Amino acid sequence: MGKFCKLYLEEYFNHKVIGAEEDIKDASTLSDNEKNGYFFYPDMLPDSLEEFVIDNVPFTFPDKSSQKYDNIICEEQTIVVPPNKYKMLCILGFCELGDFSEKVILQYDDGTHEEIEVYFLDWWRGFSWQYDINTGCKVALKANIYAKVIPHYIYYNKRIITNSNKVLRSIELPYSPNMHILGITLEYSNE
């Protein structure tokens, strides 16, 4: 067993945010980003299903095919995880229409749960410092939208799981339709 568990999220994806405008004209129903249909330009991002690393944490980038969803809009979905003990939750995502801080609920096999605060900045924003120690938020990827000239950002948030001695069964996402998730990786506990 490796050090990390990269979750396969395709079955939970419910929104489109990556694609060249000329390739997804007919995919407008897949996205309503800020009601304007903005998309990350795909050539500026990792390849479909490519593994890439941020802060020594591997993620699998979503499939960027024009007719496939590639992210989760948070609407209280429950993400089932391979039952195991984990010490770190790492999420790749962004927010639109402002910065958001929301609680993610980790459900354990003994019936208990833990709440972890996850924070993402608005995808227009970015920031000049490398890592925000207070929020655990860091710029992970930068890609242009809207005629390939306006930079937007995807962030990485790394949160410590305090109950790393318990077996995690699922992750409950918040209800926050302006928060988007492209990837989740869990780091195994050493126990």
N, C-alpha and C. Protein backbone atom coordinates (compact mmCIF):
# COMPACT_ATOMS: atom_id res chain seq x y z
N MET A 1 0.85 -1.18 0.00
CA MET A 1 0.00 0.00 0.00
C MET A 1 0.89 1.24 0.00
N GLY A 2 0.57 2.21 -0.87
CA GLY A 2 1.33 3.44 -0.92
C GLY A 2 0.98 4.35 0.24
N LYS A 3 1.53 5.53 0.22
CA LYS A 3 1.31 6.50 1.29
C LYS A 3 -0.01 7.26 1.14
N PHE A 4 -0.56 7.28 -0.09
CA PHE A 4 -1.74 8.09 -0.38
C PHE A 4 -2.85 7.27 -1.03
N CYS A 5 -4.08 7.73 -0.82
CA CYS A 5 -5.26 7.17 -1.48
C CYS A 5 -5.91 8.29 -2.28
N LYS A 6 -5.77 8.24 -3.61
CA LYS A 6 -6.41 9.24 -4.49
C LYS A 6 -7.83 8.74 -4.79
N LEU A 7 -8.81 9.54 -4.41
CA LEU A 7 -10.19 9.12 -4.62
C LEU A 7 -10.61 9.33 -6.08
N TYR A 8 -11.34 8.38 -6.60
CA TYR A 8 -11.89 8.46 -7.94
C TYR A 8 -13.26 9.12 -7.82
N LEU A 9 -13.41 10.33 -8.31
CA LEU A 9 -14.60 11.13 -8.06
C LEU A 9 -15.57 11.24 -9.24
N GLU A 10 -15.27 10.61 -10.36
CA GLU A 10 -16.08 10.81 -11.56
C GLU A 10 -17.57 10.59 -11.32
N GLU A 11 -17.93 9.59 -10.50
CA GLU A 11 -19.36 9.32 -10.27
C GLU A 11 -20.05 10.45 -9.49
N TYR A 12 -19.26 11.30 -8.84
CA TYR A 12 -19.82 12.41 -8.06
C TYR A 12 -19.79 13.74 -8.84
N PHE A 13 -19.04 13.79 -9.94
CA PHE A 13 -18.96 15.03 -10.71
C PHE A 13 -20.35 15.42 -11.23
N ASN A 14 -20.67 16.71 -11.09
CA ASN A 14 -22.00 17.19 -11.50
C ASN A 14 -21.94 18.54 -12.21
N HIS A 15 -20.75 18.89 -12.72
CA HIS A 15 -20.58 20.23 -13.28
C HIS A 15 -19.38 20.24 -14.24
N LYS A 16 -19.42 21.15 -15.20
CA LYS A 16 -18.34 21.30 -16.19
C LYS A 16 -17.67 22.65 -16.01
N VAL A 17 -16.33 22.66 -15.90
CA VAL A 17 -15.61 23.93 -15.74
C VAL A 17 -14.32 23.98 -16.58
N ILE A 18 -13.99 22.90 -17.28
CA ILE A 18 -12.77 22.84 -18.08
C ILE A 18 -13.15 22.59 -19.54
N GLY A 19 -12.67 23.43 -20.44
CA GLY A 19 -12.92 23.18 -21.84
C GLY A 19 -12.70 24.41 -22.69
N ALA A 20 -12.26 24.19 -23.91
CA ALA A 20 -12.11 25.28 -24.86
C ALA A 20 -13.50 25.69 -25.34
N GLU A 21 -13.75 26.98 -25.35
CA GLU A 21 -15.08 27.47 -25.70
C GLU A 21 -15.58 26.92 -27.03
N GLU A 22 -14.69 26.82 -28.00
CA GLU A 22 -15.10 26.34 -29.32
C GLU A 22 -15.46 24.85 -29.30
N ASP A 23 -14.95 24.10 -28.32
CA ASP A 23 -15.23 22.67 -28.24
C ASP A 23 -16.47 22.35 -27.42
N ILE A 24 -16.93 23.29 -26.62
CA ILE A 24 -18.03 22.97 -25.71
C ILE A 24 -19.24 23.87 -25.91
N LYS A 25 -19.42 24.37 -27.10
CA LYS A 25 -20.58 25.22 -27.38
C LYS A 25 -21.87 24.50 -27.01
N ASP A 26 -21.93 23.21 -27.28
CA ASP A 26 -23.14 22.44 -27.00
C ASP A 26 -23.17 21.92 -25.57
N ALA A 27 -22.15 22.23 -24.80
CA ALA A 27 -22.09 21.73 -23.43
C ALA A 27 -22.49 22.79 -22.42
N SER A 28 -23.13 23.86 -22.88
CA SER A 28 -23.45 24.96 -21.98
C SER A 28 -24.33 24.52 -20.82
N THR A 29 -25.09 23.46 -20.99
CA THR A 29 -25.91 22.98 -19.87
C THR A 29 -25.06 22.30 -18.80
N LEU A 30 -23.81 22.03 -19.09
CA LEU A 30 -22.93 21.41 -18.10
C LEU A 30 -22.36 22.42 -17.13
N SER A 31 -22.51 23.71 -17.41
CA SER A 31 -21.90 24.73 -16.56
C SER A 31 -22.75 25.98 -16.49
N ASP A 32 -22.74 26.59 -15.31
CA ASP A 32 -23.35 27.90 -15.18
C ASP A 32 -22.45 28.78 -14.32
N ASN A 33 -21.14 28.63 -14.48
CA ASN A 33 -20.18 29.39 -13.68
C ASN A 33 -20.51 30.86 -13.72
N GLU A 34 -20.86 31.38 -12.57
CA GLU A 34 -21.23 32.80 -12.43
C GLU A 34 -22.24 33.20 -13.50
N LYS A 35 -23.01 32.25 -13.95
CA LYS A 35 -24.06 32.45 -14.97
C LYS A 35 -23.51 32.94 -16.30
N ASN A 36 -22.20 32.88 -16.48
CA ASN A 36 -21.59 33.36 -17.72
C ASN A 36 -20.98 32.24 -18.54
N GLY A 37 -20.92 31.03 -18.01
CA GLY A 37 -20.37 29.91 -18.76
C GLY A 37 -18.88 29.98 -18.98
N TYR A 38 -18.13 30.56 -18.05
CA TYR A 38 -16.67 30.60 -18.18
C TYR A 38 -16.08 29.23 -17.92
N PHE A 39 -15.00 28.92 -18.65
CA PHE A 39 -14.33 27.63 -18.51
C PHE A 39 -12.82 27.84 -18.42
N PHE A 40 -12.15 26.97 -17.65
CA PHE A 40 -10.69 26.96 -17.67
C PHE A 40 -10.24 26.45 -19.03
N TYR A 41 -9.26 27.11 -19.62
CA TYR A 41 -8.74 26.66 -20.89
C TYR A 41 -7.94 25.37 -20.67
N PRO A 42 -8.31 24.25 -21.30
CA PRO A 42 -7.75 22.94 -20.97
C PRO A 42 -6.26 22.77 -21.27
N ASP A 43 -5.73 23.47 -22.28
CA ASP A 43 -4.32 23.29 -22.64
C ASP A 43 -3.37 23.84 -21.59
N MET A 44 -3.89 24.60 -20.62
CA MET A 44 -3.05 25.18 -19.58
C MET A 44 -3.09 24.36 -18.29
N LEU A 45 -3.75 23.21 -18.34
CA LEU A 45 -3.92 22.36 -17.16
C LEU A 45 -3.31 20.98 -17.43
N PRO A 46 -3.14 20.16 -16.38
CA PRO A 46 -2.64 18.80 -16.60
C PRO A 46 -3.55 18.03 -17.58
N ASP A 47 -3.00 16.99 -18.18
CA ASP A 47 -3.77 16.16 -19.11
C ASP A 47 -4.88 15.42 -18.38
N SER A 48 -5.87 14.96 -19.12
CA SER A 48 -6.95 14.17 -18.54
C SER A 48 -6.38 12.95 -17.84
N LEU A 49 -6.81 12.74 -16.62
CA LEU A 49 -6.44 11.59 -15.78
C LEU A 49 -4.95 11.51 -15.47
N GLU A 50 -4.25 12.60 -15.71
CA GLU A 50 -2.81 12.65 -15.39
C GLU A 50 -2.62 12.77 -13.88
N GLU A 51 -1.63 12.04 -13.37
CA GLU A 51 -1.26 12.22 -11.97
C GLU A 51 -0.28 13.38 -11.90
N PHE A 52 -0.54 14.31 -10.99
CA PHE A 52 0.37 15.43 -10.78
C PHE A 52 0.51 15.61 -9.27
N VAL A 53 1.57 16.29 -8.85
CA VAL A 53 1.92 16.36 -7.44
C VAL A 53 1.98 17.82 -6.97
N ILE A 54 1.36 18.08 -5.81
CA ILE A 54 1.43 19.39 -5.15
C ILE A 54 1.89 19.13 -3.73
N ASP A 55 2.97 19.76 -3.29
CA ASP A 55 3.49 19.56 -1.93
C ASP A 55 3.66 18.09 -1.60
N ASN A 56 4.17 17.32 -2.53
CA ASN A 56 4.41 15.88 -2.36
C ASN A 56 3.13 15.07 -2.21
N VAL A 57 1.99 15.64 -2.57
CA VAL A 57 0.70 14.93 -2.52
C VAL A 57 0.23 14.70 -3.95
N PRO A 58 0.00 13.44 -4.34
CA PRO A 58 -0.46 13.16 -5.70
C PRO A 58 -1.98 13.35 -5.86
N PHE A 59 -2.38 13.86 -6.99
CA PHE A 59 -3.78 13.98 -7.37
C PHE A 59 -3.92 13.41 -8.78
N THR A 60 -5.11 12.95 -9.11
CA THR A 60 -5.42 12.58 -10.49
C THR A 60 -6.31 13.67 -11.05
N PHE A 61 -5.87 14.30 -12.15
CA PHE A 61 -6.65 15.38 -12.73
C PHE A 61 -7.88 14.81 -13.43
N PRO A 62 -9.02 15.50 -13.35
CA PRO A 62 -10.25 15.00 -13.98
C PRO A 62 -10.11 14.86 -15.50
N ASP A 63 -10.98 14.04 -16.06
CA ASP A 63 -11.09 13.90 -17.51
C ASP A 63 -11.62 15.22 -18.07
N LYS A 64 -10.90 15.81 -19.01
CA LYS A 64 -11.27 17.11 -19.57
C LYS A 64 -12.11 17.00 -20.84
N SER A 65 -12.58 15.81 -21.17
CA SER A 65 -13.38 15.64 -22.38
C SER A 65 -14.54 16.63 -22.40
N SER A 66 -14.86 17.12 -23.59
CA SER A 66 -15.83 18.22 -23.69
C SER A 66 -17.23 17.86 -23.21
N GLN A 67 -17.62 16.61 -23.26
CA GLN A 67 -18.98 16.23 -22.87
C GLN A 67 -19.03 15.53 -21.51
N LYS A 68 -18.00 15.71 -20.70
CA LYS A 68 -17.99 15.08 -19.37
C LYS A 68 -17.90 16.12 -18.28
N TYR A 69 -18.60 15.87 -17.20
CA TYR A 69 -18.43 16.69 -16.01
C TYR A 69 -17.02 16.51 -15.48
N ASP A 70 -16.47 17.55 -14.83
CA ASP A 70 -15.09 17.46 -14.35
C ASP A 70 -14.90 18.00 -12.93
N ASN A 71 -15.98 18.31 -12.23
CA ASN A 71 -15.86 18.79 -10.86
C ASN A 71 -17.17 18.58 -10.12
N ILE A 72 -17.08 18.70 -8.81
CA ILE A 72 -18.26 18.57 -7.94
C ILE A 72 -18.65 19.96 -7.46
N ILE A 73 -19.90 20.33 -7.67
CA ILE A 73 -20.47 21.47 -6.96
C ILE A 73 -20.96 20.88 -5.64
N CYS A 74 -20.53 21.46 -4.54
CA CYS A 74 -20.86 20.89 -3.22
C CYS A 74 -22.33 21.09 -2.88
N GLU A 75 -23.05 19.97 -2.81
CA GLU A 75 -24.47 19.97 -2.47
C GLU A 75 -24.78 18.85 -1.49
N GLU A 76 -23.95 18.75 -0.46
CA GLU A 76 -24.09 17.77 0.61
C GLU A 76 -23.95 16.33 0.14
N GLN A 77 -23.13 16.09 -0.88
CA GLN A 77 -22.88 14.73 -1.31
C GLN A 77 -22.07 13.97 -0.25
N THR A 78 -22.27 12.67 -0.22
CA THR A 78 -21.46 11.80 0.64
C THR A 78 -20.52 11.02 -0.25
N ILE A 79 -19.22 11.23 -0.06
CA ILE A 79 -18.19 10.53 -0.83
C ILE A 79 -17.74 9.31 -0.04
N VAL A 80 -17.97 8.13 -0.57
CA VAL A 80 -17.55 6.90 0.09
C VAL A 80 -16.06 6.72 -0.16
N VAL A 81 -15.32 6.39 0.91
CA VAL A 81 -13.87 6.21 0.79
C VAL A 81 -13.51 4.77 1.15
N PRO A 82 -12.39 4.26 0.63
CA PRO A 82 -11.94 2.93 1.05
C PRO A 82 -11.69 2.96 2.56
N PRO A 83 -12.37 2.10 3.33
CA PRO A 83 -12.23 2.14 4.79
C PRO A 83 -10.78 1.94 5.21
N ASN A 84 -10.27 2.92 5.96
CA ASN A 84 -8.89 2.85 6.44
C ASN A 84 -8.67 3.99 7.42
N LYS A 85 -7.48 4.03 7.99
CA LYS A 85 -7.09 5.12 8.88
C LYS A 85 -6.27 6.13 8.08
N TYR A 86 -6.67 7.39 8.17
CA TYR A 86 -6.02 8.46 7.42
C TYR A 86 -5.64 9.60 8.36
N LYS A 87 -4.57 10.31 8.02
CA LYS A 87 -4.14 11.42 8.87
C LYS A 87 -4.24 12.79 8.19
N MET A 88 -4.48 12.81 6.87
CA MET A 88 -4.53 14.08 6.16
C MET A 88 -5.58 14.01 5.06
N LEU A 89 -6.36 15.10 4.93
CA LEU A 89 -7.33 15.27 3.87
C LEU A 89 -6.82 16.39 2.97
N CYS A 90 -6.65 16.11 1.69
CA CYS A 90 -6.12 17.08 0.73
C CYS A 90 -7.15 17.24 -0.39
N ILE A 91 -7.57 18.49 -0.62
CA ILE A 91 -8.63 18.75 -1.59
C ILE A 91 -8.15 19.76 -2.63
N LEU A 92 -8.48 19.49 -3.88
CA LEU A 92 -8.18 20.37 -4.99
C LEU A 92 -9.50 21.01 -5.42
N GLY A 93 -9.56 22.36 -5.42
CA GLY A 93 -10.82 23.00 -5.79
C GLY A 93 -10.71 24.51 -5.83
N PHE A 94 -11.86 25.16 -5.87
CA PHE A 94 -11.93 26.62 -5.91
C PHE A 94 -13.35 27.04 -5.57
N CYS A 95 -13.53 28.33 -5.39
CA CYS A 95 -14.86 28.91 -5.19
C CYS A 95 -15.12 29.95 -6.26
N GLU A 96 -16.37 30.24 -6.48
CA GLU A 96 -16.75 31.34 -7.36
C GLU A 96 -17.66 32.27 -6.57
N LEU A 97 -17.68 33.52 -6.97
CA LEU A 97 -18.48 34.55 -6.31
C LEU A 97 -18.07 34.76 -4.86
N GLY A 98 -16.77 34.73 -4.60
CA GLY A 98 -16.27 35.00 -3.27
C GLY A 98 -15.46 33.86 -2.68
N ASP A 99 -14.82 34.13 -1.54
CA ASP A 99 -14.06 33.13 -0.80
C ASP A 99 -15.04 32.40 0.12
N PHE A 100 -14.82 31.10 0.32
CA PHE A 100 -15.71 30.33 1.17
C PHE A 100 -14.94 29.44 2.12
N SER A 101 -15.44 29.33 3.33
CA SER A 101 -14.94 28.42 4.34
C SER A 101 -16.12 27.57 4.78
N GLU A 102 -16.02 26.27 4.62
CA GLU A 102 -17.13 25.37 4.95
C GLU A 102 -16.61 24.15 5.70
N LYS A 103 -17.50 23.51 6.43
CA LYS A 103 -17.13 22.31 7.17
C LYS A 103 -17.41 21.06 6.35
N VAL A 104 -16.42 20.19 6.30
CA VAL A 104 -16.54 18.87 5.71
C VAL A 104 -16.65 17.91 6.88
N ILE A 105 -17.57 16.94 6.79
CA ILE A 105 -17.77 16.00 7.90
C ILE A 105 -17.18 14.64 7.53
N LEU A 106 -16.28 14.16 8.38
CA LEU A 106 -15.68 12.84 8.20
C LEU A 106 -16.45 11.86 9.07
N GLN A 107 -16.99 10.80 8.47
CA GLN A 107 -17.75 9.79 9.19
C GLN A 107 -16.88 8.56 9.41
N TYR A 108 -16.82 8.10 10.66
CA TYR A 108 -15.98 6.95 11.02
C TYR A 108 -16.84 5.70 11.21
N ASP A 109 -16.18 4.54 11.14
CA ASP A 109 -16.91 3.28 11.22
C ASP A 109 -17.51 3.00 12.59
N ASP A 110 -17.09 3.72 13.63
CA ASP A 110 -17.66 3.52 14.97
C ASP A 110 -18.87 4.42 15.22
N GLY A 111 -19.34 5.13 14.18
CA GLY A 111 -20.51 5.99 14.31
C GLY A 111 -20.19 7.43 14.71
N THR A 112 -18.94 7.73 15.01
CA THR A 112 -18.57 9.09 15.36
C THR A 112 -18.21 9.87 14.09
N HIS A 113 -18.05 11.18 14.26
CA HIS A 113 -17.66 12.01 13.12
C HIS A 113 -16.75 13.13 13.59
N GLU A 114 -16.12 13.75 12.62
CA GLU A 114 -15.22 14.88 12.85
C GLU A 114 -15.52 15.93 11.79
N GLU A 115 -15.53 17.20 12.20
CA GLU A 115 -15.72 18.28 11.25
C GLU A 115 -14.39 18.95 10.97
N ILE A 116 -14.11 19.19 9.70
CA ILE A 116 -12.88 19.85 9.29
C ILE A 116 -13.24 21.05 8.44
N GLU A 117 -12.68 22.20 8.78
CA GLU A 117 -12.92 23.43 8.02
C GLU A 117 -12.06 23.42 6.75
N VAL A 118 -12.69 23.64 5.62
CA VAL A 118 -11.99 23.72 4.34
C VAL A 118 -12.24 25.10 3.75
N TYR A 119 -11.19 25.73 3.28
CA TYR A 119 -11.25 27.10 2.80
C TYR A 119 -10.68 27.19 1.39
N PHE A 120 -11.43 27.82 0.50
CA PHE A 120 -10.93 28.11 -0.85
C PHE A 120 -11.19 29.57 -1.18
N LEU A 121 -10.27 30.14 -1.92
CA LEU A 121 -10.44 31.51 -2.41
C LEU A 121 -11.23 31.48 -3.71
N ASP A 122 -11.74 32.64 -4.08
CA ASP A 122 -12.43 32.80 -5.35
C ASP A 122 -11.46 32.51 -6.51
N TRP A 123 -11.95 31.88 -7.55
CA TRP A 123 -11.08 31.49 -8.67
C TRP A 123 -10.51 32.68 -9.43
N TRP A 124 -11.08 33.87 -9.27
CA TRP A 124 -10.53 35.07 -9.90
C TRP A 124 -9.35 35.63 -9.13
N ARG A 125 -9.26 35.30 -7.87
CA ARG A 125 -8.39 36.02 -6.95
C ARG A 125 -6.92 35.66 -7.03
N GLY A 126 -6.57 34.41 -6.76
CA GLY A 126 -5.16 34.08 -6.59
C GLY A 126 -4.64 34.87 -5.40
N PHE A 127 -3.39 34.78 -5.08
CA PHE A 127 -2.82 35.66 -4.08
C PHE A 127 -1.32 35.65 -4.22
N SER A 128 -0.70 36.68 -3.69
CA SER A 128 0.72 36.88 -3.95
C SER A 128 1.62 36.01 -3.10
N TRP A 129 1.16 35.58 -1.93
CA TRP A 129 2.00 34.71 -1.12
C TRP A 129 1.77 33.26 -1.52
N GLN A 130 2.74 32.42 -1.21
CA GLN A 130 2.72 31.03 -1.67
C GLN A 130 1.70 30.18 -0.92
N TYR A 131 1.57 30.37 0.39
CA TYR A 131 0.75 29.47 1.18
C TYR A 131 0.15 30.23 2.34
N ASP A 132 -1.13 30.11 2.56
CA ASP A 132 -1.80 30.79 3.66
C ASP A 132 -1.89 29.82 4.83
N ILE A 133 -1.04 29.99 5.83
CA ILE A 133 -0.92 29.07 6.95
C ILE A 133 -2.21 29.00 7.76
N ASN A 134 -2.98 30.08 7.84
CA ASN A 134 -4.20 30.08 8.64
C ASN A 134 -5.33 29.27 8.02
N THR A 135 -5.39 29.22 6.72
CA THR A 135 -6.49 28.53 6.06
C THR A 135 -6.07 27.21 5.41
N GLY A 136 -4.79 26.97 5.28
CA GLY A 136 -4.33 25.77 4.59
C GLY A 136 -4.52 25.84 3.10
N CYS A 137 -4.80 27.02 2.57
CA CYS A 137 -5.09 27.19 1.15
C CYS A 137 -3.86 27.67 0.39
N LYS A 138 -3.62 27.06 -0.77
CA LYS A 138 -2.46 27.38 -1.58
C LYS A 138 -2.86 27.34 -3.05
N VAL A 139 -2.30 28.23 -3.85
CA VAL A 139 -2.54 28.16 -5.29
C VAL A 139 -1.88 26.89 -5.83
N ALA A 140 -2.66 26.09 -6.54
CA ALA A 140 -2.16 24.84 -7.10
C ALA A 140 -1.93 24.96 -8.60
N LEU A 141 -2.90 25.52 -9.31
CA LEU A 141 -2.84 25.61 -10.77
C LEU A 141 -3.39 26.96 -11.21
N LYS A 142 -2.87 27.44 -12.31
CA LYS A 142 -3.34 28.70 -12.89
C LYS A 142 -3.63 28.42 -14.36
N ALA A 143 -4.80 28.85 -14.81
CA ALA A 143 -5.16 28.69 -16.22
C ALA A 143 -6.06 29.84 -16.61
N ASN A 144 -6.00 30.22 -17.85
CA ASN A 144 -6.81 31.33 -18.33
C ASN A 144 -8.21 30.87 -18.70
N ILE A 145 -9.12 31.84 -18.69
CA ILE A 145 -10.46 31.62 -19.20
C ILE A 145 -10.76 32.75 -20.17
N TYR A 146 -11.93 32.74 -20.73
CA TYR A 146 -12.47 33.83 -21.54
C TYR A 146 -11.46 34.34 -22.57
N ALA A 147 -11.46 33.69 -23.69
CA ALA A 147 -10.56 34.03 -24.80
C ALA A 147 -9.10 33.88 -24.39
N LYS A 148 -8.86 33.05 -23.41
CA LYS A 148 -7.49 32.64 -23.03
C LYS A 148 -6.63 33.77 -22.49
N VAL A 149 -7.22 34.83 -21.94
CA VAL A 149 -6.39 35.94 -21.47
C VAL A 149 -6.58 36.29 -19.99
N ILE A 150 -7.61 35.80 -19.35
CA ILE A 150 -7.85 36.17 -17.95
C ILE A 150 -7.46 35.01 -17.05
N PRO A 151 -6.44 35.17 -16.20
CA PRO A 151 -6.02 34.05 -15.34
C PRO A 151 -7.02 33.78 -14.22
N HIS A 152 -7.24 32.50 -13.96
CA HIS A 152 -8.06 32.01 -12.86
C HIS A 152 -7.26 30.94 -12.14
N TYR A 153 -7.70 30.58 -10.93
CA TYR A 153 -6.87 29.73 -10.08
C TYR A 153 -7.65 28.55 -9.52
N ILE A 154 -6.94 27.44 -9.39
CA ILE A 154 -7.41 26.26 -8.67
C ILE A 154 -6.51 26.14 -7.45
N TYR A 155 -7.12 25.85 -6.31
CA TYR A 155 -6.39 25.83 -5.05
C TYR A 155 -6.26 24.43 -4.48
N TYR A 156 -5.36 24.33 -3.53
CA TYR A 156 -5.07 23.10 -2.82
C TYR A 156 -5.25 23.39 -1.34
N ASN A 157 -6.00 22.54 -0.64
CA ASN A 157 -6.22 22.72 0.79
C ASN A 157 -5.87 21.43 1.50
N LYS A 158 -5.00 21.52 2.47
CA LYS A 158 -4.47 20.37 3.20
C LYS A 158 -4.89 20.50 4.66
N ARG A 159 -5.65 19.54 5.16
CA ARG A 159 -6.16 19.60 6.52
C ARG A 159 -5.79 18.33 7.29
N ILE A 160 -5.38 18.51 8.54
CA ILE A 160 -5.01 17.39 9.41
C ILE A 160 -6.28 16.73 9.94
N ILE A 161 -6.31 15.41 9.91
CA ILE A 161 -7.40 14.64 10.50
C ILE A 161 -6.98 14.30 11.92
N THR A 162 -7.71 14.80 12.91
CA THR A 162 -7.30 14.59 14.30
C THR A 162 -7.58 13.18 14.80
N ASN A 163 -8.60 12.52 14.25
CA ASN A 163 -8.93 11.15 14.65
C ASN A 163 -8.27 10.13 13.71
N SER A 164 -6.97 10.25 13.54
CA SER A 164 -6.26 9.39 12.59
C SER A 164 -6.15 7.94 13.06
N ASN A 165 -6.59 7.66 14.27
CA ASN A 165 -6.58 6.28 14.78
C ASN A 165 -7.91 5.57 14.51
N LYS A 166 -8.87 6.26 13.88
CA LYS A 166 -10.17 5.68 13.57
C LYS A 166 -10.27 5.37 12.08
N VAL A 167 -11.12 4.40 11.74
CA VAL A 167 -11.32 4.01 10.34
C VAL A 167 -12.36 4.95 9.71
N LEU A 168 -11.94 5.67 8.70
CA LEU A 168 -12.81 6.60 7.97
C LEU A 168 -13.63 5.83 6.95
N ARG A 169 -14.94 6.15 6.87
CA ARG A 169 -15.84 5.48 5.93
C ARG A 169 -16.33 6.41 4.81
N SER A 170 -16.54 7.70 5.16
CA SER A 170 -17.08 8.61 4.14
C SER A 170 -16.77 10.06 4.49
N ILE A 171 -16.90 10.90 3.48
CA ILE A 171 -16.71 12.34 3.61
C ILE A 171 -18.01 13.00 3.15
N GLU A 172 -18.61 13.80 4.03
CA GLU A 172 -19.82 14.52 3.67
C GLU A 172 -19.45 15.96 3.31
N LEU A 173 -19.77 16.34 2.09
CA LEU A 173 -19.48 17.68 1.62
C LEU A 173 -20.53 18.66 2.13
N PRO A 174 -20.18 19.93 2.23
CA PRO A 174 -21.16 20.93 2.69
C PRO A 174 -22.14 21.28 1.59
N TYR A 175 -23.20 22.00 1.95
CA TYR A 175 -24.05 22.60 0.94
C TYR A 175 -23.49 23.99 0.66
N SER A 176 -22.76 24.10 -0.42
CA SER A 176 -22.13 25.36 -0.81
C SER A 176 -21.95 25.32 -2.32
N PRO A 177 -23.01 25.63 -3.09
CA PRO A 177 -22.95 25.50 -4.55
C PRO A 177 -21.88 26.33 -5.23
N ASN A 178 -21.28 27.28 -4.54
CA ASN A 178 -20.19 28.07 -5.12
C ASN A 178 -18.83 27.46 -4.86
N MET A 179 -18.79 26.31 -4.17
CA MET A 179 -17.53 25.62 -3.90
C MET A 179 -17.43 24.42 -4.83
N HIS A 180 -16.30 24.32 -5.54
CA HIS A 180 -16.08 23.26 -6.53
C HIS A 180 -14.90 22.39 -6.11
N ILE A 181 -15.04 21.08 -6.29
CA ILE A 181 -13.96 20.14 -5.96
C ILE A 181 -13.59 19.35 -7.21
N LEU A 182 -12.28 19.34 -7.53
CA LEU A 182 -11.78 18.59 -8.68
C LEU A 182 -11.04 17.32 -8.27
N GLY A 183 -10.57 17.25 -7.03
CA GLY A 183 -9.84 16.07 -6.59
C GLY A 183 -9.74 15.99 -5.08
N ILE A 184 -9.68 14.76 -4.56
CA ILE A 184 -9.46 14.53 -3.13
C ILE A 184 -8.44 13.40 -3.00
N THR A 185 -7.45 13.65 -2.15
CA THR A 185 -6.45 12.64 -1.81
C THR A 185 -6.36 12.55 -0.30
N LEU A 186 -6.29 11.33 0.20
CA LEU A 186 -6.14 11.08 1.63
C LEU A 186 -4.76 10.49 1.88
N GLU A 187 -4.12 10.92 2.97
CA GLU A 187 -2.84 10.33 3.35
C GLU A 187 -3.10 9.31 4.46
N TYR A 188 -2.56 8.11 4.26
CA TYR A 188 -2.74 7.03 5.24
C TYR A 188 -2.07 7.39 6.56
N SER A 189 -2.71 6.95 7.64
CA SER A 189 -2.11 7.09 8.96
C SER A 189 -1.00 6.06 9.10
N ASN A 190 -0.01 6.35 9.94
CA ASN A 190 1.09 5.41 10.14
C ASN A 190 0.75 4.28 11.09
N GLU A 191 -0.43 4.34 11.71
CA GLU A 191 -0.81 3.32 12.69
C GLU A 191 -1.18 2.02 12.03
